[in-house]
Amino acid sequence: MFQSVTSFFSKPQPKSGPIIPERPSAYAQPSRGPSSAGMTFTKIFRWRLPDGHTEAPATVEVAGSFTHWQKVPMTRDSVLDAWHATVHHIQGNRTHHYMFFVNGQPVNDKHCDGLAVPHGYQEEQNALQTPRGPRVFMLFGQTK
């Protein structure tokens, strides 16, 4: 009996792919060449009412270069008294730009990685006005 078990494991196994091939995600970005075949990451965006404000807004959304500036609605978490959205499949190893929108207007994010000069029409349209001119928020590309 041991001989049949050891002979099974000593046989070279055929080199084939996984039994169930992975399918690309419906949310994955289309390939744009060899540089796009990198790691992706997931980011949880959170936004809270500024100090002194008590009236909850009707809508809170996040949009950025990782969503092609399509607004993603954020849901309210009454325990944390904050709004949040989880965005998956964000391309790693690059810096992304994003904005929060409260009732359709861009608002400040005090937890952003930094401020960037907007590039392109979409970013200019969604930029926040600062004393140094229009700015969008930066999200440094992470990897898993």
Protein backbone atom coordinates (compact mmCIF):
# COMPACT_ATOMS: atom_id res chain seq x y z
CA MET A 1 0.00 0.00 0.00
CA PHE A 2 2.78 2.46 0.89
CA GLN A 3 4.47 1.69 -2.37
CA SER A 4 1.37 2.69 -4.38
CA VAL A 5 1.04 5.95 -2.40
CA THR A 6 4.70 6.86 -2.84
CA SER A 7 4.60 5.94 -6.51
CA PHE A 8 1.61 8.28 -6.95
CA PHE A 9 3.50 11.22 -5.43
CA SER A 10 6.75 10.46 -7.23
CA LYS A 11 5.11 10.58 -10.68
CA PRO A 12 5.62 13.86 -12.45
CA GLN A 13 2.33 15.74 -12.43
CA PRO A 14 1.20 17.34 -15.68
CA LYS A 15 1.96 21.04 -15.85
CA SER A 16 -1.40 22.63 -16.30
CA GLY A 17 -3.13 25.74 -15.06
CA PRO A 18 -5.42 25.92 -12.08
CA ILE A 19 -8.45 23.66 -12.02
CA ILE A 20 -10.77 26.68 -12.06
CA PRO A 21 -9.24 29.49 -14.09
CA GLU A 22 -9.49 32.95 -12.60
CA ARG A 23 -11.78 35.28 -14.43
CA PRO A 24 -10.98 38.97 -14.69
CA SER A 25 -13.11 41.10 -12.42
CA ALA A 26 -15.96 43.12 -13.92
CA TYR A 27 -14.48 46.15 -12.17
CA ALA A 28 -10.93 45.67 -13.43
CA GLN A 29 -9.52 48.32 -15.72
CA PRO A 30 -8.91 47.24 -19.31
CA SER A 31 -5.30 46.46 -20.08
CA ARG A 32 -3.31 49.35 -21.49
CA GLY A 33 -0.04 47.64 -22.21
CA PRO A 34 2.63 45.84 -20.22
CA SER A 35 2.83 48.47 -17.45
CA SER A 36 -0.80 47.91 -16.45
CA ALA A 37 -0.15 44.31 -15.38
CA GLY A 38 0.74 45.32 -11.84
CA MET A 39 -0.67 44.94 -8.40
CA THR A 40 -3.94 46.49 -7.35
CA PHE A 41 -5.16 47.53 -3.93
CA THR A 42 -8.33 48.35 -2.05
CA LYS A 43 -8.87 51.67 -0.30
CA ILE A 44 -11.53 52.65 2.22
CA PHE A 45 -12.41 56.31 1.88
CA ARG A 46 -13.93 58.02 4.94
CA TRP A 47 -15.35 61.49 5.36
CA ARG A 48 -16.65 63.16 8.52
CA LEU A 49 -18.57 66.35 9.12
CA PRO A 50 -16.24 69.23 9.97
CA ASP A 51 -16.11 70.29 13.62
CA GLY A 52 -19.10 72.39 14.62
CA HIS A 53 -21.39 71.07 11.86
CA THR A 54 -24.35 68.89 12.87
CA GLU A 55 -26.62 68.80 9.82
CA ALA A 56 -26.07 65.64 7.76
CA PRO A 57 -25.69 66.19 4.00
CA ALA A 58 -28.04 64.54 1.50
CA THR A 59 -25.20 62.91 -0.49
CA VAL A 60 -21.51 62.22 0.02
CA GLU A 61 -19.49 60.81 -2.90
CA VAL A 62 -15.89 60.14 -3.90
CA ALA A 63 -14.50 60.32 -7.44
CA GLY A 64 -10.99 60.08 -8.80
CA SER A 65 -8.64 58.97 -11.50
CA PHE A 66 -9.21 55.36 -10.38
CA THR A 67 -12.96 55.65 -11.23
CA HIS A 68 -12.43 57.82 -14.33
CA TRP A 69 -14.04 60.61 -12.28
CA GLN A 70 -17.33 58.73 -11.97
CA LYS A 71 -18.81 59.49 -8.54
CA VAL A 72 -19.09 56.56 -6.10
CA PRO A 73 -21.74 57.05 -3.39
CA MET A 74 -20.60 56.76 0.20
CA THR A 75 -22.77 55.19 2.91
CA ARG A 76 -23.28 56.61 6.38
CA ASP A 77 -21.95 54.70 9.37
CA SER A 78 -23.85 55.98 12.39
CA VAL A 79 -21.50 54.22 14.84
CA LEU A 80 -18.43 56.10 13.56
CA ASP A 81 -20.52 59.13 12.56
CA ALA A 82 -18.81 59.09 9.16
CA TRP A 83 -19.47 58.23 5.52
CA HIS A 84 -17.40 55.55 3.83
CA ALA A 85 -16.90 53.77 0.51
CA THR A 86 -14.62 50.87 -0.35
CA VAL A 87 -13.04 51.02 -3.80
CA HIS A 88 -11.40 47.87 -5.15
CA HIS A 89 -8.92 47.25 -7.98
CA ILE A 90 -7.06 50.55 -7.74
CA GLN A 91 -3.89 50.30 -9.81
CA GLY A 92 -0.78 50.28 -7.62
CA ASN A 93 2.63 51.88 -8.07
CA ARG A 94 1.26 55.24 -9.15
CA THR A 95 -0.26 58.37 -7.65
CA HIS A 96 -4.01 58.87 -8.08
CA HIS A 97 -6.03 62.08 -7.78
CA TYR A 98 -9.44 62.21 -6.10
CA MET A 99 -12.07 64.50 -4.56
CA PHE A 100 -14.91 64.19 -2.07
CA PHE A 101 -18.27 65.70 -3.03
CA VAL A 102 -20.85 66.72 -0.43
CA ASN A 103 -24.20 67.61 -1.96
CA GLY A 104 -22.40 67.79 -5.32
CA GLN A 105 -19.73 70.30 -4.21
CA PRO A 106 -16.03 69.44 -3.73
CA VAL A 107 -14.94 69.49 -0.08
CA ASN A 108 -11.68 69.26 1.83
CA ASP A 109 -10.14 65.97 2.98
CA LYS A 110 -7.89 66.60 5.96
CA HIS A 111 -6.49 63.05 5.74
CA CYS A 112 -5.26 63.17 2.13
CA ASP A 113 -1.69 62.28 1.20
CA GLY A 114 -1.15 65.72 -0.35
CA LEU A 115 -2.45 68.28 -2.81
CA ALA A 116 -1.82 68.21 -6.55
CA VAL A 117 -2.34 70.60 -9.42
CA PRO A 118 -5.21 69.23 -11.54
CA HIS A 119 -4.32 67.63 -14.88
CA GLY A 120 -6.92 67.49 -17.61
CA TYR A 121 -10.45 68.74 -17.97
CA GLN A 122 -12.10 66.34 -15.48
CA GLU A 123 -9.68 67.19 -12.69
CA GLU A 124 -9.88 70.93 -13.37
CA GLN A 125 -13.67 70.75 -13.30
CA ASN A 126 -13.70 68.92 -9.93
CA ALA A 127 -10.85 70.81 -8.24
CA LEU A 128 -11.12 72.57 -4.91
CA GLN A 129 -10.18 76.26 -4.86
CA THR A 130 -7.32 77.00 -2.46
CA PRO A 131 -5.24 80.13 -1.81
CA ARG A 132 -2.60 78.69 -4.16
CA GLY A 133 -5.11 77.90 -6.92
CA PRO A 134 -7.17 74.84 -7.84
CA ARG A 135 -6.06 71.57 -6.24
CA VAL A 136 -7.11 67.92 -6.10
CA PHE A 137 -6.13 65.39 -3.46
CA MET A 138 -3.36 62.85 -3.97
CA LEU A 139 -3.53 59.18 -3.10
CA PHE A 140 -0.12 57.53 -3.31
CA GLY A 141 -0.29 54.21 -5.14
CA GLN A 142 0.00 51.29 -2.78
CA THR A 143 0.47 47.60 -3.40
CA LYS A 144 -0.76 44.58 -1.54
